[in-house]
Protein backbone atom coordinates (compact mmCIF):
# COMPACT_ATOMS: atom_id res chain seq x y z
CA MET A 1 8.86 2.37 -8.67
CA ILE A 2 6.22 4.47 -8.74
CA ASN A 3 5.01 6.09 -5.41
CA ILE A 4 1.65 7.35 -3.94
CA VAL A 5 0.83 9.49 -0.90
CA ALA A 6 -2.89 9.72 -0.28
CA GLY A 7 -3.74 12.21 2.93
CA GLY A 8 -4.35 10.28 5.86
CA PRO A 9 -2.38 11.17 8.86
CA ASP A 10 0.94 12.67 8.14
CA TYR A 11 2.44 11.34 11.45
CA LEU A 12 1.86 7.78 10.59
CA ILE A 13 4.14 8.57 7.48
CA PRO A 14 7.66 7.81 7.01
CA ASP A 15 10.22 10.11 5.95
CA LEU A 16 9.72 11.41 2.35
CA THR A 17 13.08 12.96 1.91
CA GLN A 18 14.76 9.97 2.62
CA ILE A 19 12.59 7.63 0.10
CA ALA A 20 13.49 10.08 -3.26
CA ALA A 21 17.13 10.39 -1.45
CA GLN A 22 17.59 6.35 -1.98
CA ASP A 23 15.44 6.06 -6.06
CA VAL A 24 15.90 9.73 -7.18
CA ALA A 25 14.44 8.35 -10.91
CA ALA A 26 10.93 7.37 -8.83
CA ILE A 27 7.39 8.56 -10.05
CA TRP A 28 5.32 10.53 -7.17
CA ILE A 29 2.08 10.75 -7.36
CA GLY A 30 0.75 13.28 -4.65
CA VAL A 31 -3.70 12.26 -3.67
CA ASP A 32 -5.46 14.36 -2.46
CA ARG A 33 -3.62 16.59 0.63
CA GLY A 34 -1.07 13.59 0.07
CA ALA A 35 0.34 16.26 -3.57
CA LEU A 36 0.21 19.30 -0.50
CA TYR A 37 2.73 16.17 1.83
CA LEU A 38 4.97 15.94 -1.30
CA ILE A 39 5.46 19.80 -1.82
CA GLU A 40 6.15 19.91 1.23
CA ALA A 41 9.07 17.46 1.40
CA GLY A 42 10.70 18.78 -1.33
CA ILE A 43 8.90 16.15 -4.29
CA ASN A 44 7.58 18.30 -6.98
CA PRO A 45 4.28 15.74 -8.28
CA HIS A 46 4.59 13.46 -11.15
CA CYS A 47 0.58 14.31 -11.40
CA ALA A 48 -1.97 14.72 -8.79
CA ILE A 49 -4.88 13.70 -8.26
CA GLY A 50 -8.51 14.26 -6.67
CA ASP A 51 -10.99 16.10 -5.37
CA PHE A 52 -9.06 18.65 -3.89
CA ASP A 53 -11.99 18.68 -0.89
CA SER A 54 -9.12 18.37 1.84
CA VAL A 55 -7.16 21.98 1.17
CA SER A 56 -7.28 25.85 1.02
CA ALA A 57 -8.09 27.51 -2.81
CA SER A 58 -4.06 28.35 -1.89
CA GLU A 59 -3.22 25.21 -1.86
CA LYS A 60 -4.66 23.89 -4.31
CA GLN A 61 -3.43 26.40 -6.49
CA LEU A 62 0.28 25.72 -5.28
CA ILE A 63 -0.48 21.75 -5.93
CA GLN A 64 -1.36 22.33 -9.06
CA ASN A 65 1.81 24.90 -10.32
CA SER A 66 3.82 22.21 -8.44
CA SER A 67 2.99 19.41 -10.13
CA ARG A 68 3.39 17.35 -13.87
CA HIS A 69 -0.01 16.76 -14.04
CA PHE A 70 -2.63 17.99 -12.66
CA GLN A 71 -5.50 15.52 -12.75
CA THR A 72 -9.12 17.54 -10.33
CA PHE A 73 -12.72 15.86 -9.97
CA GLN A 74 -15.96 16.76 -8.71
CA THR A 75 -16.70 16.01 -5.23
CA LYS A 76 -19.67 13.21 -5.99
CA LYS A 77 -18.49 10.74 -7.59
CA ASP A 78 -18.60 6.80 -8.04
CA TYR A 79 -14.49 6.79 -7.04
CA THR A 80 -12.26 7.82 -4.24
CA ASP A 81 -9.40 9.77 -5.08
CA LEU A 82 -6.80 6.49 -4.16
CA GLU A 83 -8.63 4.18 -7.00
CA SER A 84 -8.51 7.47 -9.32
CA ALA A 85 -4.51 7.72 -8.31
CA LEU A 86 -4.21 3.39 -8.49
CA ARG A 87 -5.46 3.35 -11.96
CA TYR A 88 -2.84 6.54 -13.51
CA ALA A 89 -0.12 4.41 -11.75
CA CYS A 90 -1.53 1.27 -13.48
CA GLU A 91 -0.61 2.63 -16.83
CA LEU A 92 2.69 4.34 -15.70
CA SER A 93 5.86 1.83 -16.28
CA GLY A 94 7.21 0.06 -12.85
CA GLU A 95 6.86 -3.24 -11.99
CA ARG A 96 6.14 -1.94 -8.19
CA ILE A 97 3.92 0.76 -6.25
CA PHE A 98 4.42 1.46 -2.66
CA ILE A 99 1.18 3.55 -1.87
CA TYR A 100 1.31 6.04 1.53
CA GLY A 101 -1.26 8.05 4.07
CA ALA A 102 -3.90 5.54 3.50
CA THR A 103 -3.95 4.67 6.43
CA GLY A 104 -4.59 5.28 10.01
CA GLY A 105 -7.80 8.26 10.09
CA ARG A 106 -10.86 6.80 9.53
CA ILE A 107 -11.33 3.43 9.58
CA ASP A 108 -13.68 3.06 6.33
CA HIS A 109 -11.60 4.57 4.07
CA GLN A 110 -8.17 2.07 5.76
CA MET A 111 -10.56 -0.59 4.42
CA SER A 112 -11.67 0.71 1.64
CA SER A 113 -7.64 1.28 0.57
CA MET A 114 -6.88 -2.53 2.04
CA MET A 115 -9.52 -3.89 -0.62
CA LEU A 116 -8.69 -1.13 -2.98
CA LEU A 117 -5.99 -3.87 -3.59
CA GLU A 118 -7.95 -6.76 -4.32
CA GLY A 119 -8.47 -4.64 -7.56
CA PHE A 120 -5.27 -4.68 -8.97
CA ILE A 121 -3.74 -7.94 -8.38
CA GLN A 122 -2.34 -9.13 -11.58
CA LYS A 123 -1.13 -5.67 -12.22
CA LYS A 124 1.55 -4.42 -10.29
CA GLU A 125 2.92 -5.56 -7.09
CA ILE A 126 1.31 -2.95 -4.70
CA VAL A 127 2.38 -2.61 -1.11
CA LEU A 128 0.94 -0.21 1.81
CA ILE A 129 3.37 1.30 4.02
CA ASP A 130 3.05 3.45 7.35
CA ILE A 131 5.65 3.64 10.35
CA HIS A 132 4.54 0.63 11.31
CA ASN A 133 3.00 -1.91 8.85
CA GLU A 134 3.45 -3.00 5.34
CA ILE A 135 0.33 -4.18 3.91
CA ARG A 136 -0.27 -6.41 0.70
CA MET A 137 -3.06 -8.32 -1.57
CA LEU A 138 -1.50 -11.62 -3.19
CA ALA A 139 -3.36 -14.37 -5.17
CA PRO A 140 -1.73 -18.12 -5.16
CA GLY A 141 2.14 -18.65 -5.90
CA THR A 142 5.25 -18.53 -4.12
CA TYR A 143 6.30 -15.34 -2.03
CA SER A 144 9.78 -14.56 -0.20
CA PHE A 145 10.12 -12.08 2.74
CA HIS A 146 13.59 -10.45 3.90
CA LYS A 147 13.62 -10.08 7.43
CA ASN A 148 13.37 -6.61 8.54
CA ASP A 149 12.65 -3.60 11.20
CA LYS A 150 8.95 -5.02 10.93
CA LYS A 151 9.50 -8.81 13.10
CA TYR A 152 6.12 -10.00 12.90
CA ILE A 153 4.14 -11.28 9.45
CA SER A 154 0.19 -11.79 10.05
CA ILE A 155 -1.92 -13.64 7.21
CA LEU A 156 -5.30 -13.34 6.75
CA ALA A 157 -7.43 -15.08 4.12
CA VAL A 158 -9.48 -12.59 1.56
CA SER A 159 -11.09 -14.61 0.84
CA ASP A 160 -14.01 -17.63 1.84
CA TYR A 161 -10.41 -19.86 2.45
CA LEU A 162 -7.07 -19.79 1.22
CA THR A 163 -5.83 -23.77 0.26
CA GLY A 164 -1.94 -25.45 0.66
CA LEU A 165 -0.65 -22.64 3.18
CA THR A 166 2.92 -23.11 3.38
CA LEU A 167 5.06 -21.13 5.34
CA SER A 168 8.66 -22.12 5.86
CA GLY A 169 11.87 -19.84 7.41
CA MET A 170 9.49 -19.47 10.31
CA LYS A 171 8.95 -19.29 13.97
CA TYR A 172 5.79 -21.39 12.77
CA PRO A 173 5.96 -23.12 10.24
CA LEU A 174 2.85 -24.50 8.48
CA LEU A 175 2.17 -27.75 5.72
CA ASP A 176 -0.39 -27.57 3.19
CA HIS A 177 -2.80 -25.95 5.53
CA THR A 178 -6.63 -24.50 4.21
CA LEU A 179 -7.08 -21.03 5.82
CA HIS A 180 -11.09 -20.10 6.12
CA ARG A 181 -10.80 -16.22 6.75
CA ARG A 182 -12.84 -16.16 10.72
CA ASP A 183 -9.09 -17.87 11.48
CA SER A 184 -6.62 -15.81 13.91
CA LEU A 185 -3.78 -19.61 13.38
CA ALA A 186 -1.96 -17.19 11.13
CA ILE A 187 -1.46 -13.81 12.99
CA SER A 188 1.40 -12.65 14.68
CA ASN A 189 4.05 -15.28 13.59
CA GLU A 190 8.29 -14.28 12.42
CA ILE A 191 10.30 -14.53 10.09
CA SER A 192 13.18 -17.22 11.87
CA ASN A 193 15.40 -17.21 8.51
CA GLU A 194 17.05 -14.91 7.14
CA VAL A 195 13.85 -15.55 4.58
CA GLY A 196 10.33 -16.33 5.10
CA HIS A 197 8.85 -17.84 2.60
CA ILE A 198 4.74 -17.90 1.88
CA SER A 199 3.32 -20.25 -1.19
CA PHE A 200 -0.98 -21.00 -1.39
CA SER A 201 -2.57 -22.66 -4.45
CA ASP A 202 -6.25 -20.98 -4.23
CA GLY A 203 -7.54 -17.42 -2.85
CA ILE A 204 -6.33 -14.43 -2.35
CA CYS A 205 -4.83 -13.50 1.20
CA LEU A 206 -3.71 -9.87 3.15
CA VAL A 207 -0.42 -10.06 4.60
CA VAL A 208 0.99 -6.97 7.29
CA ARG A 209 4.43 -6.91 8.45
CA SER A 210 4.08 -4.88 11.57
CA LYS A 211 6.47 -3.40 13.89
CA ASP A 212 4.93 -1.96 18.03
């Protein structure tokens, strides 16, 4: 498992020490100030990546000294620090990437983080996580979701439309439906069985699991 921690508001990030205890073999990547969050949680990053414009000179030195690998860039560049971290993570072994600290704060950064997922949709399973939400971008296929503490599940079309959208094991099922990007029909559904299923034949969607 690969965990990426970006520099978003720390109050939205789950307890990193608890996550680390559940998988001691996980690889941790710190993005800019996110690397400092890791060190403060007692986790030395496998890699720290960014321009580090959100930390002081002494904090940057601490991050460099505490990280196995350290990659720094100029502030003026053509891609975000998170995109650099995702490119790096996709070269590592492991099928799943969890990203923390990429939601909240500046909405342009949050939207960019979500839309970045499309460029990596065929490479690994990637999930954006904060204390309220789990966000995935999915290509056509069939997917299963177990009931958890995030009560609501919403499907949003990223492409112009999704075709063949079928929802089962949910409070509001659908069968072979076409969901357009402008539609709000699939917002705030709930998994009614122990496992809910989503399938569609064409398009790209965001699946957001949330709790109040």
